[in-house]
Structures are given as structure tokens and as C-alpha cells.
Amino acid sequence: MATVVVISIAGEEGLWVADLDARSVVPLDPPQTGALKTVTDLRASGAIVTKGVNVAVVVKSAAAASSGHYDG
């Protein structure tokens, strides 16, 4: 099972790599070629792209998520 996720948030610049095994999140340099470049180009035009993710919500803080709240 994959334990690395590339993420971005609407209204924010850039991509991030979340490595769940390492418990880390780091910025990802903008891809110059390949499928991820295509995805970032789509994102720039306003598209939302998901693959292999079954839950993704934006929360204001880790505390909000821990208490079961998310931005609706």
C-alpha cells in the first residue's frame, strides 16, 4: 500500500509530499515533466485531481480535526 501522498490546497501555492511512514510533510519542487506536471497544469486551471484518495477535507487546525470538525 502506498504511504506517500502529494497534496495541495485550493488557494495555496505549491505541492507538498506527505510521507505517512516517516511522519513528515515537505514541499515538492514543481515537476517539469511527466504525469505530475500534467496534474499541476490542470490544477492551475482550476481542476481538482484525485487518485487513490478516499477522504480529503480541509481543517483549520489539527485540534479541530482531532475533535471531529472540518470546514464545510
N, C-alpha and C. Protein backbone atom coordinates (compact mmCIF):
# COMPACT_ATOMS: atom_id res chain seq x y z
N MET A 1 0.84 -1.18 0.00
CA MET A 1 0.00 0.00 0.00
C MET A 1 0.89 1.24 0.00
N ALA A 2 0.51 2.22 -0.81
CA ALA A 2 1.25 3.48 -0.86
C ALA A 2 1.06 4.26 0.43
N THR A 3 2.14 4.84 0.90
CA THR A 3 2.05 5.64 2.11
C THR A 3 2.61 7.04 1.90
N VAL A 4 2.70 7.47 0.64
CA VAL A 4 3.14 8.81 0.30
C VAL A 4 2.05 9.47 -0.53
N VAL A 5 1.72 10.71 -0.19
CA VAL A 5 0.65 11.43 -0.86
C VAL A 5 1.18 12.80 -1.29
N VAL A 6 0.90 13.19 -2.53
CA VAL A 6 1.19 14.54 -3.00
C VAL A 6 -0.10 15.34 -2.82
N ILE A 7 0.01 16.47 -2.12
CA ILE A 7 -1.19 17.25 -1.81
C ILE A 7 -1.00 18.73 -2.13
N SER A 8 -2.11 19.40 -2.28
CA SER A 8 -2.15 20.85 -2.38
C SER A 8 -3.50 21.31 -1.84
N ILE A 9 -3.60 22.57 -1.53
CA ILE A 9 -4.84 23.13 -1.00
C ILE A 9 -5.26 24.29 -1.90
N ALA A 10 -6.53 24.32 -2.26
CA ALA A 10 -7.06 25.39 -3.10
C ALA A 10 -6.71 26.74 -2.49
N GLY A 11 -6.22 27.64 -3.34
CA GLY A 11 -5.86 28.97 -2.87
C GLY A 11 -4.44 29.09 -2.35
N GLU A 12 -3.75 27.97 -2.22
CA GLU A 12 -2.36 27.97 -1.77
C GLU A 12 -1.46 27.60 -2.93
N GLU A 13 -0.25 28.11 -2.93
CA GLU A 13 0.72 27.79 -3.96
C GLU A 13 1.46 26.51 -3.60
N GLY A 14 1.90 25.80 -4.61
CA GLY A 14 2.81 24.69 -4.41
C GLY A 14 2.18 23.37 -4.05
N LEU A 15 3.03 22.36 -4.13
CA LEU A 15 2.66 20.98 -3.80
C LEU A 15 3.47 20.55 -2.58
N TRP A 16 2.94 19.56 -1.89
CA TRP A 16 3.60 19.00 -0.71
C TRP A 16 3.60 17.49 -0.82
N VAL A 17 4.62 16.87 -0.25
CA VAL A 17 4.70 15.41 -0.18
C VAL A 17 4.55 15.02 1.28
N ALA A 18 3.52 14.25 1.56
CA ALA A 18 3.30 13.72 2.91
C ALA A 18 3.71 12.25 2.91
N ASP A 19 4.73 11.94 3.69
CA ASP A 19 5.20 10.56 3.84
C ASP A 19 4.66 10.05 5.17
N LEU A 20 3.65 9.21 5.10
CA LEU A 20 2.98 8.76 6.32
C LEU A 20 3.87 7.88 7.18
N ASP A 21 4.71 7.06 6.55
CA ASP A 21 5.62 6.22 7.33
C ASP A 21 6.64 7.07 8.09
N ALA A 22 7.17 8.08 7.43
CA ALA A 22 8.18 8.94 8.05
C ALA A 22 7.55 10.02 8.92
N ARG A 23 6.23 10.16 8.82
CA ARG A 23 5.50 11.21 9.55
C ARG A 23 6.07 12.59 9.24
N SER A 24 6.22 12.83 7.93
CA SER A 24 6.78 14.11 7.50
C SER A 24 5.98 14.69 6.33
N VAL A 25 6.03 16.00 6.23
CA VAL A 25 5.44 16.72 5.10
C VAL A 25 6.47 17.74 4.65
N VAL A 26 6.84 17.68 3.37
CA VAL A 26 7.86 18.58 2.84
C VAL A 26 7.39 19.17 1.51
N PRO A 27 7.85 20.38 1.18
CA PRO A 27 7.49 20.96 -0.12
C PRO A 27 8.08 20.13 -1.26
N LEU A 28 7.35 20.09 -2.36
CA LEU A 28 7.79 19.38 -3.57
C LEU A 28 8.16 20.42 -4.63
N ASP A 29 9.35 20.28 -5.19
CA ASP A 29 9.72 21.17 -6.29
C ASP A 29 8.72 20.98 -7.44
N PRO A 30 8.35 22.05 -8.11
CA PRO A 30 7.39 21.92 -9.22
C PRO A 30 7.91 20.93 -10.26
N PRO A 31 7.09 19.94 -10.64
CA PRO A 31 7.52 18.97 -11.65
C PRO A 31 7.67 19.65 -13.01
N GLN A 32 8.69 19.25 -13.73
CA GLN A 32 8.96 19.83 -15.05
C GLN A 32 8.44 18.97 -16.19
N THR A 33 8.24 17.67 -15.95
CA THR A 33 7.76 16.75 -16.98
C THR A 33 6.92 15.67 -16.33
N GLY A 34 6.30 14.86 -17.16
CA GLY A 34 5.59 13.68 -16.69
C GLY A 34 4.15 13.94 -16.27
N ALA A 35 3.55 12.88 -15.73
CA ALA A 35 2.14 12.92 -15.35
C ALA A 35 1.86 13.93 -14.24
N LEU A 36 2.80 14.07 -13.30
CA LEU A 36 2.57 15.03 -12.22
C LEU A 36 2.61 16.47 -12.75
N LYS A 37 3.39 16.73 -13.77
CA LYS A 37 3.39 18.05 -14.42
C LYS A 37 2.02 18.31 -15.04
N THR A 38 1.46 17.29 -15.69
CA THR A 38 0.12 17.42 -16.27
C THR A 38 -0.90 17.74 -15.20
N VAL A 39 -0.80 17.05 -14.07
CA VAL A 39 -1.73 17.28 -12.96
C VAL A 39 -1.59 18.71 -12.43
N THR A 40 -0.37 19.20 -12.28
CA THR A 40 -0.20 20.56 -11.77
C THR A 40 -0.70 21.60 -12.77
N ASP A 41 -0.58 21.31 -14.05
CA ASP A 41 -1.14 22.21 -15.06
C ASP A 41 -2.66 22.23 -14.97
N LEU A 42 -3.27 21.07 -14.79
CA LEU A 42 -4.72 21.02 -14.61
C LEU A 42 -5.14 21.78 -13.36
N ARG A 43 -4.39 21.60 -12.27
CA ARG A 43 -4.69 22.29 -11.02
C ARG A 43 -4.65 23.80 -11.23
N ALA A 44 -3.67 24.29 -11.99
CA ALA A 44 -3.54 25.72 -12.25
C ALA A 44 -4.76 26.28 -12.99
N SER A 45 -5.44 25.42 -13.74
CA SER A 45 -6.62 25.87 -14.48
C SER A 45 -7.90 25.72 -13.66
N GLY A 46 -7.76 25.27 -12.41
CA GLY A 46 -8.92 25.16 -11.53
C GLY A 46 -9.46 23.76 -11.35
N ALA A 47 -8.88 22.79 -12.04
CA ALA A 47 -9.36 21.41 -11.91
C ALA A 47 -8.96 20.81 -10.57
N ILE A 48 -9.75 19.87 -10.12
CA ILE A 48 -9.44 19.10 -8.92
C ILE A 48 -9.12 17.69 -9.37
N VAL A 49 -7.95 17.20 -9.00
CA VAL A 49 -7.50 15.88 -9.43
C VAL A 49 -7.29 15.01 -8.21
N THR A 50 -7.92 13.83 -8.19
CA THR A 50 -7.71 12.87 -7.11
C THR A 50 -7.47 11.50 -7.72
N LYS A 51 -6.64 10.73 -7.05
CA LYS A 51 -6.40 9.35 -7.47
C LYS A 51 -5.96 8.58 -6.23
N GLY A 52 -6.72 7.57 -5.88
CA GLY A 52 -6.35 6.72 -4.76
C GLY A 52 -6.60 7.33 -3.39
N VAL A 53 -7.37 8.42 -3.34
CA VAL A 53 -7.69 9.07 -2.07
C VAL A 53 -9.18 8.90 -1.84
N ASN A 54 -9.55 8.42 -0.65
CA ASN A 54 -10.99 8.26 -0.41
C ASN A 54 -11.54 9.25 0.61
N VAL A 55 -10.69 10.02 1.28
CA VAL A 55 -11.13 11.11 2.15
C VAL A 55 -10.10 12.22 2.08
N ALA A 56 -10.56 13.43 1.86
CA ALA A 56 -9.70 14.61 1.93
C ALA A 56 -10.57 15.80 2.31
N VAL A 57 -10.30 16.39 3.43
CA VAL A 57 -11.05 17.57 3.88
C VAL A 57 -10.05 18.61 4.40
N VAL A 58 -10.43 19.85 4.34
CA VAL A 58 -9.61 20.94 4.87
C VAL A 58 -10.10 21.25 6.27
N VAL A 59 -9.16 21.38 7.19
CA VAL A 59 -9.50 21.76 8.56
C VAL A 59 -8.67 22.98 8.95
N LYS A 60 -9.17 23.72 9.94
CA LYS A 60 -8.46 24.93 10.37
C LYS A 60 -7.25 24.61 11.22
N SER A 61 -7.27 23.46 11.90
CA SER A 61 -6.14 23.10 12.77
C SER A 61 -6.18 21.61 13.06
N ALA A 62 -5.07 21.10 13.56
CA ALA A 62 -5.01 19.70 13.97
C ALA A 62 -5.98 19.46 15.11
N ALA A 63 -6.14 20.44 15.98
CA ALA A 63 -7.07 20.30 17.10
C ALA A 63 -8.51 20.14 16.60
N ALA A 64 -8.86 20.89 15.56
CA ALA A 64 -10.21 20.78 15.00
C ALA A 64 -10.44 19.38 14.43
N ALA A 65 -9.44 18.87 13.71
CA ALA A 65 -9.55 17.53 13.14
C ALA A 65 -9.67 16.48 14.25
N SER A 66 -8.86 16.63 15.29
CA SER A 66 -8.88 15.67 16.39
C SER A 66 -10.22 15.65 17.11
N SER A 67 -10.92 16.78 17.10
CA SER A 67 -12.21 16.83 17.77
C SER A 67 -13.37 16.52 16.81
N GLY A 68 -13.04 16.17 15.56
CA GLY A 68 -14.06 15.72 14.62
C GLY A 68 -14.66 16.81 13.77
N HIS A 69 -14.07 18.00 13.74
CA HIS A 69 -14.60 19.12 12.96
C HIS A 69 -13.80 19.31 11.67
N TYR A 70 -14.49 19.73 10.63
CA TYR A 70 -13.82 20.13 9.40
C TYR A 70 -14.61 21.26 8.76
N ASP A 71 -13.95 22.02 7.89
CA ASP A 71 -14.61 23.14 7.22
C ASP A 71 -15.60 22.61 6.20
N GLY A 72 -16.83 23.04 6.29
CA GLY A 72 -17.88 22.55 5.40
C GLY A 72 -18.14 23.42 4.24
